[in-house]
Amino acid sequence: MVLLGGADGSFEMSDVGGIELCPNVTSISATSMLARRDTRKPTPLARLTHLSISPAFDNLETLLDLKALKQLPLLDHGTYTDVITPGHPTRALFEAMKAGGVMVWVGLTSRKDDCPSPFE
C-alpha cells in the first residue's frame, strides 16, 4: 500500500512521478498533499485494485486503463457535481467503470448536516 499525505511535512509530495517503477503496488491513497492528481500516473500499475483520491483530478478517462481496479472512492465537489448530472461525460465514465465491476464512490470533500448522498 502507498499512502500519500500526512499531518506534517514529512509526507509532502508534489506528484506521484515514478510510481510506475513499483509494479506490485495494489493500493494507493492520495488524499491531501498533492496539488493535482494526474490519473495517468498509476495506469501502468497492472495490479492496482484500490485507488482512493481527493480533490483536483486530471485525465479521469485513463482510469478505464486500470484493468485490475476494484474500488475507487474519491472526494471532490466538482467531480460530485459532474457525476450527479445526467449526460455528463464524467458520469458516463463512472457508470462504465461500475458496469465493469468497479465499486465507485464519489462524495463531497466536506460533510455538512444537509450533505447529499454520495454517487455510488
Protein backbone atom coordinates (compact mmCIF):
# COMPACT_ATOMS: atom_id res chain seq x y z
CA MET A 1 0.00 0.00 0.00
CA VAL A 2 1.20 3.51 -0.79
CA LEU A 3 -0.12 6.31 1.41
CA LEU A 4 0.32 9.86 0.20
CA GLY A 5 -0.42 12.66 2.64
CA GLY A 6 0.26 13.26 6.29
CA ALA A 7 -0.16 15.51 9.27
CA ASP A 8 3.26 17.11 8.92
CA GLY A 9 5.74 17.99 6.18
CA SER A 10 7.43 14.59 6.24
CA PHE A 11 4.95 13.15 3.76
CA GLU A 12 4.54 16.08 1.39
CA MET A 13 4.86 15.13 -2.26
CA SER A 14 4.18 17.28 -5.28
CA ASP A 15 3.23 14.36 -7.55
CA VAL A 16 3.42 10.59 -7.87
CA GLY A 17 6.01 10.60 -10.64
CA GLY A 18 7.98 7.35 -10.58
CA ILE A 19 5.10 5.31 -9.14
CA GLU A 20 5.18 3.24 -12.32
CA LEU A 21 8.53 1.85 -11.09
CA CYS A 22 6.63 0.00 -8.35
CA PRO A 23 4.77 -2.65 -10.40
CA ASN A 24 3.48 -4.61 -7.39
CA VAL A 25 1.52 -1.72 -5.84
CA THR A 26 -2.08 -2.78 -5.24
CA SER A 27 -3.46 0.20 -3.33
CA ILE A 28 -2.90 3.97 -3.49
CA SER A 29 -4.49 6.55 -1.23
CA ALA A 30 -3.71 10.16 -2.21
CA THR A 31 -5.89 12.32 -0.05
CA SER A 32 -4.49 15.76 0.58
CA MET A 33 -0.90 16.72 -0.06
CA LEU A 34 -0.82 16.65 -3.85
CA ALA A 35 -1.81 19.83 -5.64
CA ARG A 36 -3.31 17.93 -8.59
CA ARG A 37 -3.61 14.25 -9.36
CA ASP A 38 -2.96 13.03 -12.87
CA THR A 39 -4.71 9.70 -13.17
CA ARG A 40 -2.32 8.72 -15.98
CA LYS A 41 0.46 8.21 -13.41
CA PRO A 42 -0.83 4.95 -11.89
CA THR A 43 -2.20 3.44 -15.12
CA PRO A 44 0.91 1.29 -15.76
CA LEU A 45 0.25 -0.45 -12.42
CA ALA A 46 -1.32 -3.71 -13.60
CA ARG A 47 -2.02 -4.95 -10.04
CA LEU A 48 -3.65 -1.77 -8.71
CA THR A 49 -7.01 -2.79 -7.20
CA HIS A 50 -7.77 0.19 -4.93
CA LEU A 51 -7.31 3.86 -5.79
CA SER A 52 -8.54 6.48 -3.32
CA ILE A 53 -8.08 10.11 -4.37
CA SER A 54 -9.41 13.50 -3.40
CA PRO A 55 -9.59 16.95 -4.90
CA ALA A 56 -8.29 18.06 -8.26
CA PHE A 57 -8.00 15.38 -10.93
CA ASP A 58 -6.69 15.40 -14.47
CA ASN A 59 -7.33 12.78 -17.18
CA LEU A 60 -10.03 10.79 -15.37
CA GLU A 61 -10.72 8.85 -18.58
CA THR A 62 -7.43 6.99 -18.10
CA LEU A 63 -8.96 5.21 -15.08
CA LEU A 64 -10.51 2.81 -17.61
CA ASP A 65 -6.96 1.56 -18.29
CA LEU A 66 -6.67 0.21 -14.73
CA LYS A 67 -7.90 -3.29 -15.58
CA ALA A 68 -7.43 -4.74 -12.05
CA LEU A 69 -9.18 -1.82 -10.30
CA LYS A 70 -11.97 -2.93 -7.95
CA GLN A 71 -12.53 0.13 -5.73
CA LEU A 72 -12.47 3.85 -6.50
CA PRO A 73 -13.56 6.09 -3.64
CA LEU A 74 -12.97 9.78 -4.28
CA LEU A 75 -13.86 13.09 -2.73
CA ASP A 76 -14.27 16.23 -4.83
CA HIS A 77 -17.04 18.82 -5.13
CA GLY A 78 -16.56 19.31 -8.88
CA THR A 79 -16.48 15.60 -9.68
CA TYR A 80 -19.53 15.02 -7.48
CA THR A 81 -21.44 17.73 -9.37
CA ASP A 82 -20.41 16.12 -12.67
CA VAL A 83 -21.46 12.57 -11.72
CA ILE A 84 -24.91 13.57 -10.48
CA THR A 85 -25.58 15.39 -13.76
CA PRO A 86 -27.30 13.08 -16.29
CA GLY A 87 -25.46 13.03 -19.61
CA HIS A 88 -22.21 14.45 -18.22
CA PRO A 89 -19.09 12.66 -19.60
CA THR A 90 -17.73 12.06 -16.08
CA ARG A 91 -20.97 10.35 -15.09
CA ALA A 92 -20.79 8.18 -18.21
CA LEU A 93 -17.17 7.29 -17.34
CA PHE A 94 -18.05 6.20 -13.81
CA GLU A 95 -21.14 4.32 -14.99
CA ALA A 96 -18.89 2.41 -17.42
CA MET A 97 -16.50 1.63 -14.59
CA LYS A 98 -19.36 0.39 -12.41
CA ALA A 99 -20.63 -1.77 -15.28
CA GLY A 100 -17.12 -3.25 -15.47
CA GLY A 101 -17.25 -4.29 -11.82
CA VAL A 102 -15.52 -1.34 -10.12
CA MET A 103 -17.05 -0.10 -6.86
CA VAL A 104 -17.21 3.66 -7.45
CA TRP A 105 -18.00 6.08 -4.62
CA VAL A 106 -17.93 9.86 -5.18
CA GLY A 107 -18.60 12.20 -2.27
CA LEU A 108 -18.11 15.80 -1.29
CA THR A 109 -14.85 16.91 0.32
CA SER A 110 -16.60 18.28 3.38
CA ARG A 111 -19.54 16.97 5.33
CA LYS A 112 -22.49 19.05 6.47
CA ASP A 113 -25.74 18.09 8.15
CA ASP A 114 -27.57 18.51 4.85
CA CYS A 115 -24.85 16.76 2.81
CA PRO A 116 -26.31 14.89 -0.17
CA SER A 117 -25.80 11.18 -0.61
CA PRO A 118 -22.67 10.08 -2.45
CA PHE A 119 -22.77 8.82 -6.00
CA GLU A 120 -22.42 5.04 -5.85
